[in-house]
Amino acid sequence: MTSEPSEALIPTRPAPRGVGRGLQHRLKRRLIEWTLAQGGEDLEERVRRLPWHELNEFGLDPYGLDPEFVIAAIAPIVWLYRNYFRVETYGAEHIPEGRVFLIANHSGQIPIDAAMIGIAAFLEADPPRIVRAMFEKWVPTLPYISIAFARLGQVVGTPENARRLLHQGEPILAFPEGVRGISKPIQQRYQLAEFGLGFMRLALETKTPIVPIAVVGAEEQYVSVANLKGLGKLLGIPAVPVIPQLLVPVLGWLPLPTKYRIFFGEPLEFSGNPDDEDAVIEEKVKVVKNAIQSMLRDGLRRRESVFFG
């Protein structure tokens, strides 16, 4: 097991007082050790190279990111990446340094696809990156989950947040399909829904390159057979998918162990007026969407099995 992580490796804070907080601190340190143990010296070097911007006296950045929490929380995600979903990543070298939009197809009702893309950028890209995902505006209403997302560096998907992070040189992950992407039944898997235009307007405004991403394997991990839109409106949530496997106690709540393949395309750069009419912006968005759809078709054509590759 890797020795106790040093302050030089990860920005740390003094251990909190109190029995409960002390136990929480020790758990966090053990998880950090587990993270580092899964990759040895190479992973330690990747952690050391990560940039942590504008940390305050509490060790948090302006959006609530906690470096200790990030490295602790990714321990089980690294395990899932390598052992459960057995992710194969292609083209991670296309992720440039500095600001970049990572634009991907969306899959499933739980953001496992986002987690796998984030781990791929951390484990496979050079330099390693901590990806900032844009989540829906209703997510902060969820207890505990919203705090965990903030500590992981994920932010509400507003233009203001995205703009500031891009100017800071951060990689931003966005799913332009939005709720439409996670509401698709299994019959429509890997058929891209309509893309929003906001990411393209921001890319034009900030002169940010766009890396298209195709994720194959995630759309079968929770098999949705229908979406109860009426019930969703009644409950005030965007989607109520019908997922039969969730009826199986405990084991059915786990995602199926599908094999993931993540394809990073070459960066795309666009020029033009970010305030152009929607029709003009849509033509640029189509280029990104077509690139993702093409990689999806290629990945599906190469796949022999949902579970074994």
Foldseek 3Di string as FASTA:
>chain_A
DDPQDDCLQWPDDPQDDDDVSNVVVVLLRVLLVLLCVVPDPVLSVLSNPEDDPCQDNVCAHPLGAHRSLQSSVCNVVVCCLCPQQNEAEADLQQDDFFEAEEEEQAAADDRNVVSNVQVCQSPPYVNRAREAEAAAPCVCVDPPRVNSSSRSRYYHPDLVVSLVCRVVRHYYYYYQLHPVRHQDALVCPLPGDDGDLVVLLSCQVSQHWYKYKYKALRRQQFGFHHWDCVVCVVVVHRTDTDGVLPVPPPVSVGGHRFHMYMYIHHIDTDYDHSPDDPVVSVVVVVVSVVVRSVVNVVVVVPDDDRHPD
